[in-house]
């Protein structure tokens, strides 16, 4: 059996095409809702802050990964879900979102 090839966009899409693709995503989510038992994004901490900053800039996981020069968009998901990631990836994500990481002493 032949392995399907992945398709990558090399140019920006029109607003009409973006709206069409958004409608397809919404329909797919209605037809195949995510499992309630599945993992959920973090509600607090770095993951929640990264997600809020990404969404405020209307970026997908894929576009943020590209901006941060991270080869796998799943890394963005891992940050948002509170999973362990490389510090260098977290620094690159923060820089791409114009955020800074800092250590704060607990008192």
PDB file of N, CA and C in Angstrom:
ATOM      1  N   UNK A   1       0.834  -1.171   0.000  1.00  0.00           N
ATOM      2  CA  UNK A   1       0.000   0.000   0.000  1.00  0.00           C
ATOM      3  C   UNK A   1       0.887   1.245   0.000  1.00  0.00           C
ATOM      4  N   UNK A   2       0.566   2.183  -0.851  1.00  0.00           N
ATOM      5  CA  UNK A   2       1.363   3.395  -0.980  1.00  0.00           C
ATOM      6  C   UNK A   2       1.049   4.368   0.149  1.00  0.00           C
ATOM      7  N   UNK A   3       2.120   4.926   0.727  1.00  0.00           N
ATOM      8  CA  UNK A   3       1.956   5.872   1.819  1.00  0.00           C
ATOM      9  C   UNK A   3       1.508   7.221   1.247  1.00  0.00           C
ATOM     10  N   UNK A   4       0.453   7.837   1.825  1.00  0.00           N
ATOM     11  CA  UNK A   4      -0.010   9.127   1.297  1.00  0.00           C
ATOM     12  C   UNK A   4       1.047  10.214   1.513  1.00  0.00           C
ATOM     13  N   UNK A   5       1.122  11.125   0.560  1.00  0.00           N
ATOM     14  CA  UNK A   5       2.063  12.236   0.669  1.00  0.00           C
ATOM     15  C   UNK A   5       1.413  13.387   1.401  1.00  0.00           C
ATOM     16  N   UNK A   6       2.228  14.084   2.192  1.00  0.00           N
ATOM     17  CA  UNK A   6       1.737  15.277   2.885  1.00  0.00           C
ATOM     18  C   UNK A   6       1.797  16.450   1.929  1.00  0.00           C
ATOM     19  N   UNK A   7       0.854  17.352   2.084  1.00  0.00           N
ATOM     20  CA  UNK A   7       0.805  18.543   1.248  1.00  0.00           C
ATOM     21  C   UNK A   7       1.116  19.749   2.120  1.00  0.00           C
ATOM     22  N   UNK A   8       2.038  20.577   1.657  1.00  0.00           N
ATOM     23  CA  UNK A   8       2.416  21.778   2.390  1.00  0.00           C
ATOM     24  C   UNK A   8       2.111  23.000   1.549  1.00  0.00           C
ATOM     25  N   UNK A   9       1.562  24.020   2.173  1.00  0.00           N
ATOM     26  CA  UNK A   9       1.298  25.280   1.480  1.00  0.00           C
ATOM     27  C   UNK A   9       2.593  26.078   1.399  1.00  0.00           C
ATOM     28  N   UNK A  10       2.816  26.697   0.260  1.00  0.00           N
ATOM     29  CA  UNK A  10       4.005  27.527   0.098  1.00  0.00           C
ATOM     30  C   UNK A  10       3.638  29.001  -0.012  1.00  0.00           C
ATOM     31  N   UNK A  11       2.349  29.299  -0.008  1.00  0.00           N
ATOM     32  CA  UNK A  11       1.915  30.685  -0.123  1.00  0.00           C
ATOM     33  C   UNK A  11       0.726  30.914   0.798  1.00  0.00           C
ATOM     34  N   UNK A  12       0.419  32.176   1.051  1.00  0.00           N
ATOM     35  CA  UNK A  12      -0.713  32.514   1.913  1.00  0.00           C
ATOM     36  C   UNK A  12      -2.024  32.212   1.184  1.00  0.00           C
ATOM     37  N   UNK A  13      -3.041  31.897   1.974  1.00  0.00           N
ATOM     38  CA  UNK A  13      -4.339  31.609   1.369  1.00  0.00           C
ATOM     39  C   UNK A  13      -5.223  32.846   1.447  1.00  0.00           C
ATOM     40  N   UNK A  14      -6.196  32.885   0.576  1.00  0.00           N
ATOM     41  CA  UNK A  14      -7.110  34.028   0.536  1.00  0.00           C
ATOM     42  C   UNK A  14      -8.062  33.970   1.738  1.00  0.00           C
ATOM     43  N   UNK A  15      -8.648  35.097   2.088  1.00  0.00           N
ATOM     44  CA  UNK A  15      -9.627  35.098   3.193  1.00  0.00           C
ATOM     45  C   UNK A  15     -10.804  34.165   2.914  1.00  0.00           C
ATOM     46  N   UNK A  16     -11.207  34.071   1.655  1.00  0.00           N
ATOM     47  CA  UNK A  16     -12.321  33.180   1.302  1.00  0.00           C
ATOM     48  C   UNK A  16     -11.946  31.717   1.530  1.00  0.00           C
ATOM     49  N   UNK A  17     -10.698  31.363   1.145  1.00  0.00           N
ATOM     50  CA  UNK A  17     -10.234  29.988   1.347  1.00  0.00           C
ATOM     51  C   UNK A  17     -10.090  29.702   2.843  1.00  0.00           C
ATOM     52  N   UNK A  18      -9.606  30.666   3.617  1.00  0.00           N
ATOM     53  CA  UNK A  18      -9.485  30.491   5.064  1.00  0.00           C
ATOM     54  C   UNK A  18     -10.857  30.266   5.693  1.00  0.00           C
ATOM     55  N   UNK A  19     -11.861  31.029   5.251  1.00  0.00           N
ATOM     56  CA  UNK A  19     -13.221  30.863   5.774  1.00  0.00           C
ATOM     57  C   UNK A  19     -13.773  29.488   5.413  1.00  0.00           C
ATOM     58  N   UNK A  20     -13.500  29.038   4.178  1.00  0.00           N
ATOM     59  CA  UNK A  20     -13.966  27.716   3.737  1.00  0.00           C
ATOM     60  C   UNK A  20     -13.327  26.619   4.596  1.00  0.00           C
ATOM     61  N   UNK A  21     -12.018  26.723   4.845  1.00  0.00           N
ATOM     62  CA  UNK A  21     -11.333  25.724   5.659  1.00  0.00           C
ATOM     63  C   UNK A  21     -11.805  25.758   7.111  1.00  0.00           C
ATOM     64  N   UNK A  22     -12.072  26.946   7.641  1.00  0.00           N
ATOM     65  CA  UNK A  22     -12.614  27.056   8.997  1.00  0.00           C
ATOM     66  C   UNK A  22     -13.970  26.365   9.107  1.00  0.00           C
ATOM     67  N   UNK A  23     -14.802  26.517   8.098  1.00  0.00           N
ATOM     68  CA  UNK A  23     -16.118  25.859   8.110  1.00  0.00           C
ATOM     69  C   UNK A  23     -15.957  24.340   8.062  1.00  0.00           C
ATOM     70  N   UNK A  24     -14.999  23.857   7.288  1.00  0.00           N
ATOM     71  CA  UNK A  24     -14.739  22.413   7.242  1.00  0.00           C
ATOM     72  C   UNK A  24     -14.305  21.924   8.621  1.00  0.00           C
ATOM     73  N   UNK A  25     -13.412  22.688   9.304  1.00  0.00           N
ATOM     74  CA  UNK A  25     -12.970  22.298  10.649  1.00  0.00           C
ATOM     75  C   UNK A  25     -14.133  22.275  11.633  1.00  0.00           C
ATOM     76  N   UNK A  26     -14.991  23.307  11.568  1.00  0.00           N
ATOM     77  CA  UNK A  26     -16.151  23.354  12.468  1.00  0.00           C
ATOM     78  C   UNK A  26     -17.082  22.168  12.237  1.00  0.00           C
ATOM     79  N   UNK A  27     -17.325  21.840  10.973  1.00  0.00           N
ATOM     80  CA  UNK A  27     -18.192  20.705  10.642  1.00  0.00           C
ATOM     81  C   UNK A  27     -17.574  19.400  11.144  1.00  0.00           C
ATOM     82  N   UNK A  28     -16.266  19.245  10.969  1.00  0.00           N
ATOM     83  CA  UNK A  28     -15.590  18.031  11.440  1.00  0.00           C
ATOM     84  C   UNK A  28     -15.690  17.918  12.961  1.00  0.00           C
ATOM     85  N   UNK A  29     -15.564  19.037  13.667  1.00  0.00           N
ATOM     86  CA  UNK A  29     -15.682  18.998  15.126  1.00  0.00           C
ATOM     87  C   UNK A  29     -17.106  18.686  15.560  1.00  0.00           C
ATOM     88  N   UNK A  30     -18.106  19.150  14.788  1.00  0.00           N
ATOM     89  CA  UNK A  30     -19.501  18.796  15.113  1.00  0.00           C
ATOM     90  C   UNK A  30     -19.742  17.313  14.855  1.00  0.00           C
ATOM     91  N   UNK A  31     -19.211  16.803  13.725  1.00  0.00           N
ATOM     92  CA  UNK A  31     -19.425  15.400  13.364  1.00  0.00           C
ATOM     93  C   UNK A  31     -18.614  14.447  14.242  1.00  0.00           C
ATOM     94  N   UNK A  32     -17.430  14.879  14.654  1.00  0.00           N
ATOM     95  CA  UNK A  32     -16.534  14.034  15.440  1.00  0.00           C
ATOM     96  C   UNK A  32     -16.039  14.825  16.652  1.00  0.00           C
ATOM     97  N   UNK A  33     -16.902  15.047  17.642  1.00  0.00           N
ATOM     98  CA  UNK A  33     -16.498  15.860  18.797  1.00  0.00           C
ATOM     99  C   UNK A  33     -15.363  15.194  19.557  1.00  0.00           C
ATOM    100  N   UNK A  34     -14.471  16.016  20.137  1.00  0.00           N
ATOM    101  CA  UNK A  34     -13.369  15.440  20.908  1.00  0.00           C
ATOM    102  C   UNK A  34     -13.895  14.709  22.132  1.00  0.00           C
ATOM    103  N   UNK A  35     -13.181  13.705  22.530  1.00  0.00           N
ATOM    104  CA  UNK A  35     -13.558  12.916  23.692  1.00  0.00           C
ATOM    105  C   UNK A  35     -13.417  13.751  24.953  1.00  0.00           C
ATOM    106  N   UNK A  36     -14.404  13.691  25.809  1.00  0.00           N
ATOM    107  CA  UNK A  36     -14.346  14.410  27.072  1.00  0.00           C
ATOM    108  C   UNK A  36     -13.283  13.813  27.991  1.00  0.00           C
ATOM    109  N   UNK A  37     -12.909  12.567  27.735  1.00  0.00           N
ATOM    110  CA  UNK A  37     -11.922  11.899  28.565  1.00  0.00           C
ATOM    111  C   UNK A  37     -10.498  12.242  28.137  1.00  0.00           C
ATOM    112  N   UNK A  38     -10.340  12.908  26.995  1.00  0.00           N
ATOM    113  CA  UNK A  38      -9.018  13.234  26.475  1.00  0.00           C
ATOM    114  C   UNK A  38      -8.352  14.347  27.269  1.00  0.00           C
ATOM    115  N   UNK A  39      -7.065  14.572  26.991  1.00  0.00           N
ATOM    116  CA  UNK A  39      -6.349  15.627  27.703  1.00  0.00           C
ATOM    117  C   UNK A  39      -6.885  17.005  27.335  1.00  0.00           C
ATOM    118  N   UNK A  40      -6.770  17.931  28.265  1.00  0.00           N
ATOM    119  CA  UNK A  40      -7.235  19.300  28.056  1.00  0.00           C
ATOM    120  C   UNK A  40      -6.068  20.262  28.215  1.00  0.00           C
ATOM    121  N   UNK A  41      -6.129  21.405  27.540  1.00  0.00           N
ATOM    122  CA  UNK A  41      -5.066  22.402  27.717  1.00  0.00           C
ATOM    123  C   UNK A  41      -4.996  22.873  29.164  1.00  0.00           C
ATOM    124  N   UNK A  42      -3.803  23.313  29.558  1.00  0.00           N
ATOM    125  CA  UNK A  42      -3.598  23.831  30.903  1.00  0.00           C
ATOM    126  C   UNK A  42      -4.464  25.070  31.111  1.00  0.00           C
ATOM    127  N   UNK A  43      -4.990  25.227  32.304  1.00  0.00           N
ATOM    128  CA  UNK A  43      -5.825  26.390  32.620  1.00  0.00           C
ATOM    129  C   UNK A  43      -5.027  27.498  33.293  1.00  0.00           C
ATOM    130  N   UNK A  44      -3.843  27.157  33.800  1.00  0.00           N
ATOM    131  CA  UNK A  44      -2.987  28.146  34.464  1.00  0.00           C
ATOM    132  C   UNK A  44      -1.550  27.902  34.051  1.00  0.00           C
ATOM    133  N   UNK A  45      -0.695  28.845  34.378  1.00  0.00           N
ATOM    134  CA  UNK A  45       0.733  28.673  34.153  1.00  0.00           C
ATOM    135  C   UNK A  45       1.172  29.034  32.743  1.00  0.00           C
ATOM    136  N   UNK A  46       2.373  28.569  32.417  1.00  0.00           N
ATOM    137  CA  UNK A  46       2.993  28.899  31.141  1.00  0.00           C
ATOM    138  C   UNK A  46       2.146  28.428  29.969  1.00  0.00           C
ATOM    139  N   UNK A  47       1.618  27.227  30.052  1.00  0.00           N
ATOM    140  CA  UNK A  47       0.815  26.687  28.952  1.00  0.00           C
ATOM    141  C   UNK A  47      -0.379  27.564  28.626  1.00  0.00           C
ATOM    142  N   UNK A  48      -1.085  28.009  29.651  1.00  0.00           N
ATOM    143  CA  UNK A  48      -2.254  28.872  29.446  1.00  0.00           C
ATOM    144  C   UNK A  48      -1.835  30.223  28.880  1.00  0.00           C
ATOM    145  N   UNK A  49      -0.704  30.746  29.337  1.00  0.00           N
ATOM    146  CA  UNK A  49      -0.229  32.036  28.834  1.00  0.00           C
ATOM    147  C   UNK A  49       0.200  31.946  27.377  1.00  0.00           C
ATOM    148  N   UNK A  50       0.874  30.862  27.019  1.00  0.00           N
ATOM    149  CA  UNK A  50       1.285  30.670  25.625  1.00  0.00           C
ATOM    150  C   UNK A  50       0.051  30.548  24.739  1.00  0.00           C
ATOM    151  N   UNK A  51      -0.924  29.753  25.172  1.00  0.00           N
ATOM    152  CA  UNK A  51      -2.143  29.590  24.383  1.00  0.00           C
ATOM    153  C   UNK A  51      -2.871  30.924  24.193  1.00  0.00           C
ATOM    154  N   UNK A  52      -2.997  31.706  25.264  1.00  0.00           N
ATOM    155  CA  UNK A  52      -3.682  32.997  25.166  1.00  0.00           C
ATOM    156  C   UNK A  52      -2.951  33.938  24.211  1.00  0.00           C
ATOM    157  N   UNK A  53      -1.625  33.967  24.293  1.00  0.00           N
ATOM    158  CA  UNK A  53      -0.844  34.839  23.406  1.00  0.00           C
ATOM    159  C   UNK A  53      -0.949  34.368  21.957  1.00  0.00           C
ATOM    160  N   UNK A  54      -0.910  33.057  21.745  1.00  0.00           N
ATOM    161  CA  UNK A  54      -1.027  32.508  20.388  1.00  0.00           C
ATOM    162  C   UNK A  54      -2.393  32.836  19.802  1.00  0.00           C
ATOM    163  N   UNK A  55      -3.442  32.617  20.571  1.00  0.00           N
ATOM    164  CA  UNK A  55      -4.798  32.883  20.078  1.00  0.00           C
ATOM    165  C   UNK A  55      -5.032  34.376  19.857  1.00  0.00           C
ATOM    166  N   UNK A  56      -4.446  35.229  20.705  1.00  0.00           N
ATOM    167  CA  UNK A  56      -4.599  36.680  20.537  1.00  0.00           C
ATOM    168  C   UNK A  56      -3.988  37.148  19.220  1.00  0.00           C
ATOM    169  N   UNK A  57      -2.994  36.409  18.741  1.00  0.00           N
ATOM    170  CA  UNK A  57      -2.339  36.744  17.474  1.00  0.00           C
ATOM    171  C   UNK A  57      -2.904  35.936  16.305  1.00  0.00           C
ATOM    172  N   UNK A  58      -3.965  35.170  16.567  1.00  0.00           N
ATOM    173  CA  UNK A  58      -4.606  34.329  15.543  1.00  0.00           C
ATOM    174  C   UNK A  58      -3.617  33.392  14.853  1.00  0.00           C
ATOM    175  N   UNK A  59      -2.773  32.748  15.648  1.00  0.00           N
ATOM    176  CA  UNK A  59      -1.791  31.811  15.114  1.00  0.00           C
ATOM    177  C   UNK A  59      -2.230  30.379  15.411  1.00  0.00           C
ATOM    178  N   UNK A  60      -1.987  29.508  14.471  1.00  0.00           N
ATOM    179  CA  UNK A  60      -2.211  28.083  14.703  1.00  0.00           C
ATOM    180  C   UNK A  60      -0.956  27.500  15.348  1.00  0.00           C
ATOM    181  N   UNK A  61      -1.042  26.256  15.814  1.00  0.00           N
ATOM    182  CA  UNK A  61       0.143  25.586  16.340  1.00  0.00           C
ATOM    183  C   UNK A  61       1.216  25.551  15.264  1.00  0.00           C
ATOM    184  N   UNK A  62       0.800  25.291  14.029  1.00  0.00           N
ATOM    185  CA  UNK A  62       1.743  25.145  12.926  1.00  0.00           C
ATOM    186  C   UNK A  62       2.443  26.459  12.602  1.00  0.00           C
ATOM    187  N   UNK A  63       1.688  27.541  12.554  1.00  0.00           N
ATOM    188  CA  UNK A  63       2.303  28.825  12.218  1.00  0.00           C
ATOM    189  C   UNK A  63       3.219  29.304  13.345  1.00  0.00           C
ATOM    190  N   UNK A  64       2.858  29.053  14.600  1.00  0.00           N
ATOM    191  CA  UNK A  64       3.725  29.426  15.710  1.00  0.00           C
ATOM    192  C   UNK A  64       5.003  28.593  15.689  1.00  0.00           C
ATOM    193  N   UNK A  65       4.880  27.317  15.408  1.00  0.00           N
ATOM    194  CA  UNK A  65       6.075  26.468  15.317  1.00  0.00           C
ATOM    195  C   UNK A  65       7.007  26.982  14.224  1.00  0.00           C
ATOM    196  N   UNK A  66       6.442  27.400  13.111  1.00  0.00           N
ATOM    197  CA  UNK A  66       7.253  27.937  12.023  1.00  0.00           C
ATOM    198  C   UNK A  66       7.938  29.240  12.457  1.00  0.00           C
ATOM    199  N   UNK A  67       7.199  30.138  13.110  1.00  0.00           N
ATOM    200  CA  UNK A  67       7.783  31.394  13.599  1.00  0.00           C
ATOM    201  C   UNK A  67       8.904  31.146  14.598  1.00  0.00           C
ATOM    202  N   UNK A  68       8.750  30.128  15.415  1.00  0.00           N
ATOM    203  CA  UNK A  68       9.731  29.809  16.452  1.00  0.00           C
ATOM    204  C   UNK A  68      10.841  28.887  15.938  1.00  0.00           C
ATOM    205  N   UNK A  69      10.775  28.504  14.665  1.00  0.00           N
ATOM    206  CA  UNK A  69      11.757  27.586  14.054  1.00  0.00           C
ATOM    207  C   UNK A  69      11.808  26.249  14.788  1.00  0.00           C
ATOM    208  N   UNK A  70      10.646  25.757  15.159  1.00  0.00           N
ATOM    209  CA  UNK A  70      10.525  24.456  15.809  1.00  0.00           C
ATOM    210  C   UNK A  70       9.984  23.481  14.771  1.00  0.00           C
ATOM    211  N   UNK A  71      10.661  22.353  14.553  1.00  0.00           N
ATOM    212  CA  UNK A  71      10.266  21.455  13.464  1.00  0.00           C
ATOM    213  C   UNK A  71       8.931  20.735  13.641  1.00  0.00           C
ATOM    214  N   UNK A  72       8.451  20.602  14.872  1.00  0.00           N
ATOM    215  CA  UNK A  72       7.231  19.834  15.109  1.00  0.00           C
ATOM    216  C   UNK A  72       6.195  20.678  15.840  1.00  0.00           C
ATOM    217  N   UNK A  73       5.050  20.919  15.200  1.00  0.00           N
ATOM    218  CA  UNK A  73       3.992  21.726  15.800  1.00  0.00           C
ATOM    219  C   UNK A  73       3.429  21.080  17.066  1.00  0.00           C
ATOM    220  N   UNK A  74       3.616  19.787  17.229  1.00  0.00           N
ATOM    221  CA  UNK A  74       3.137  19.111  18.438  1.00  0.00           C
ATOM    222  C   UNK A  74       3.828  19.663  19.687  1.00  0.00           C
ATOM    223  N   UNK A  75       4.989  20.261  19.521  1.00  0.00           N
ATOM    224  CA  UNK A  75       5.684  20.870  20.654  1.00  0.00           C
ATOM    225  C   UNK A  75       4.857  22.010  21.231  1.00  0.00           C
ATOM    226  N   UNK A  76       4.197  22.785  20.355  1.00  0.00           N
ATOM    227  CA  UNK A  76       3.348  23.875  20.819  1.00  0.00           C
ATOM    228  C   UNK A  76       2.195  23.308  21.637  1.00  0.00           C
ATOM    229  N   UNK A  77       1.594  22.239  21.130  1.00  0.00           N
ATOM    230  CA  UNK A  77       0.508  21.576  21.866  1.00  0.00           C
ATOM    231  C   UNK A  77       1.008  21.085  23.216  1.00  0.00           C
ATOM    232  N   UNK A  78       2.197  20.498  23.232  1.00  0.00           N
ATOM    233  CA  UNK A  78       2.740  19.977  24.484  1.00  0.00           C
ATOM    234  C   UNK A  78       2.916  21.082  25.518  1.00  0.00           C
ATOM    235  N   UNK A  79       3.378  22.257  25.089  1.00  0.00           N
ATOM    236  CA  UNK A  79       3.513  23.386  26.011  1.00  0.00           C
ATOM    237  C   UNK A  79       2.141  23.771  26.554  1.00  0.00           C
ATOM    238  N   UNK A  80       1.171  23.903  25.650  1.00  0.00           N
ATOM    239  CA  UNK A  80      -0.165  24.338  26.054  1.00  0.00           C
ATOM    240  C   UNK A  80      -0.864  23.319  26.943  1.00  0.00           C
ATOM    241  N   UNK A  81      -0.488  22.056  26.852  1.00  0.00           N
ATOM    242  CA  UNK A  81      -1.109  21.018  27.665  1.00  0.00           C
ATOM    243  C   UNK A  81      -0.303  20.737  28.940  1.00  0.00           C
ATOM    244  N   UNK A  82       0.745  21.544  29.170  1.00  0.00           N
ATOM    245  CA  UNK A  82       1.516  21.411  30.401  1.00  0.00           C
ATOM    246  C   UNK A  82       2.470  20.237  30.421  1.00  0.00           C
ATOM    247  N   UNK A  83       2.840  19.739  29.256  1.00  0.00           N
ATOM    248  CA  UNK A  83       3.779  18.616  29.184  1.00  0.00           C
ATOM    249  C   UNK A  83       5.215  19.138  29.191  1.00  0.00           C
ATOM    250  N   UNK A  84       6.154  18.243  29.475  1.00  0.00           N
ATOM    251  CA  UNK A  84       7.570  18.617  29.483  1.00  0.00           C
ATOM    252  C   UNK A  84       8.044  18.892  28.057  1.00  0.00           C
ATOM    253  N   UNK A  85       8.782  19.993  27.897  1.00  0.00           N
ATOM    254  CA  UNK A  85       9.398  20.341  26.616  1.00  0.00           C
ATOM    255  C   UNK A  85      10.801  20.861  26.880  1.00  0.00           C
ATOM    256  N   UNK A  86      11.598  20.919  25.841  1.00  0.00           N
ATOM    257  CA  UNK A  86      12.943  21.458  25.972  1.00  0.00           C
ATOM    258  C   UNK A  86      12.876  22.950  26.284  1.00  0.00           C
ATOM    259  N   UNK A  87      13.747  23.391  27.154  1.00  0.00           N
ATOM    260  CA  UNK A  87      13.792  24.799  27.501  1.00  0.00           C
ATOM    261  C   UNK A  87      14.081  25.656  26.264  1.00  0.00           C
ATOM    262  N   UNK A  88      14.927  25.166  25.370  1.00  0.00           N
ATOM    263  CA  UNK A  88      15.242  25.933  24.160  1.00  0.00           C
ATOM    264  C   UNK A  88      13.997  26.132  23.302  1.00  0.00           C
ATOM    265  N   UNK A  89      13.117  25.137  23.260  1.00  0.00           N
ATOM    266  CA  UNK A  89      11.861  25.285  22.517  1.00  0.00           C
ATOM    267  C   UNK A  89      10.953  26.305  23.199  1.00  0.00           C
ATOM    268  N   UNK A  90      10.873  26.237  24.509  1.00  0.00           N
ATOM    269  CA  UNK A  90      10.036  27.187  25.249  1.00  0.00           C
ATOM    270  C   UNK A  90      10.548  28.617  25.057  1.00  0.00           C
ATOM    271  N   UNK A  91      11.870  28.786  25.056  1.00  0.00           N
ATOM    272  CA  UNK A  91      12.452  30.112  24.822  1.00  0.00           C
ATOM    273  C   UNK A  91      12.126  30.607  23.420  1.00  0.00           C
ATOM    274  N   UNK A  92      12.195  29.730  22.428  1.00  0.00           N
ATOM    275  CA  UNK A  92      11.903  30.113  21.047  1.00  0.00           C
ATOM    276  C   UNK A  92      10.426  30.489  20.888  1.00  0.00           C
ATOM    277  N   UNK A  93       9.547  29.757  21.550  1.00  0.00           N
ATOM    278  CA  UNK A  93       8.108  30.052  21.491  1.00  0.00           C
ATOM    279  C   UNK A  93       7.843  31.416  22.133  1.00  0.00           C
ATOM    280  N   UNK A  94       8.434  31.643  23.287  1.00  0.00           N
ATOM    281  CA  UNK A  94       8.245  32.922  23.975  1.00  0.00           C
ATOM    282  C   UNK A  94       8.745  34.071  23.104  1.00  0.00           C
ATOM    283  N   UNK A  95       9.892  33.917  22.494  1.00  0.00           N
ATOM    284  CA  UNK A  95      10.442  34.971  21.638  1.00  0.00           C
ATOM    285  C   UNK A  95       9.534  35.224  20.437  1.00  0.00           C
ATOM    286  N   UNK A  96       8.997  34.158  19.832  1.00  0.00           N
ATOM    287  CA  UNK A  96       8.109  34.308  18.677  1.00  0.00           C
ATOM    288  C   UNK A  96       6.822  35.036  19.052  1.00  0.00           C
ATOM    289  N   UNK A  97       6.399  34.909  20.302  1.00  0.00           N
ATOM    290  CA  UNK A  97       5.179  35.568  20.778  1.00  0.00           C
ATOM    291  C   UNK A  97       5.479  36.908  21.456  1.00  0.00           C
ATOM    292  N   UNK A  98       6.752  37.311  21.416  1.00  0.00           N
ATOM    293  CA  UNK A  98       7.185  38.558  22.048  1.00  0.00           C
ATOM    294  C   UNK A  98       6.921  38.531  23.559  1.00  0.00           C
ATOM    295  N   UNK A  99       7.165  37.371  24.162  1.00  0.00           N
ATOM    296  CA  UNK A  99       7.047  37.183  25.606  1.00  0.00           C
ATOM    297  C   UNK A  99       8.440  36.942  26.164  1.00  0.00           C
ATOM    298  N   UNK A 100       8.600  37.072  27.463  1.00  0.00           N
ATOM    299  CA  UNK A 100       9.887  36.760  28.081  1.00  0.00           C
ATOM    300  C   UNK A 100       9.684  35.743  29.194  1.00  0.00           C
ATOM    301  N   UNK A 101      10.686  34.917  29.384  1.00  0.00           N
ATOM    302  CA  UNK A 101      10.680  33.955  30.482  1.00  0.00           C
ATOM    303  C   UNK A 101      11.574  34.504  31.578  1.00  0.00           C
ATOM    304  N   UNK A 102      11.145  34.366  32.803  1.00  0.00           N
ATOM    305  CA  UNK A 102      11.978  34.797  33.904  1.00  0.00           C
ATOM    306  C   UNK A 102      11.766  33.874  35.097  1.00  0.00           C
ATOM    307  N   UNK A 103      12.814  33.737  35.890  1.00  0.00           N
ATOM    308  CA  UNK A 103      12.731  32.958  37.123  1.00  0.00           C
ATOM    309  C   UNK A 103      12.365  33.913  38.248  1.00  0.00           C
ATOM    310  N   UNK A 104      11.437  33.504  39.069  1.00  0.00           N
ATOM    311  CA  UNK A 104      10.986  34.318  40.186  1.00  0.00           C
ATOM    312  C   UNK A 104      11.174  33.512  41.459  1.00  0.00           C
ATOM    313  N   UNK A 105      11.795  34.109  42.439  1.00  0.00           N
ATOM    314  CA  UNK A 105      12.018  33.436  43.700  1.00  0.00           C
ATOM    315  C   UNK A 105      10.714  33.327  44.474  1.00  0.00           C
ATOM    316  N   UNK A 106      10.440  32.130  44.991  1.00  0.00           N
ATOM    317  CA  UNK A 106       9.260  31.935  45.850  1.00  0.00           C
ATOM    318  C   UNK A 106       9.591  32.416  47.248  1.00  0.00           C
ATOM    319  N   UNK A 107       8.672  33.084  47.871  1.00  0.00           N
ATOM    320  CA  UNK A 107       8.910  33.591  49.238  1.00  0.00           C
ATOM    321  C   UNK A 107       7.903  33.007  50.182  1.00  0.00           C
TER     322      UNK A 107
END
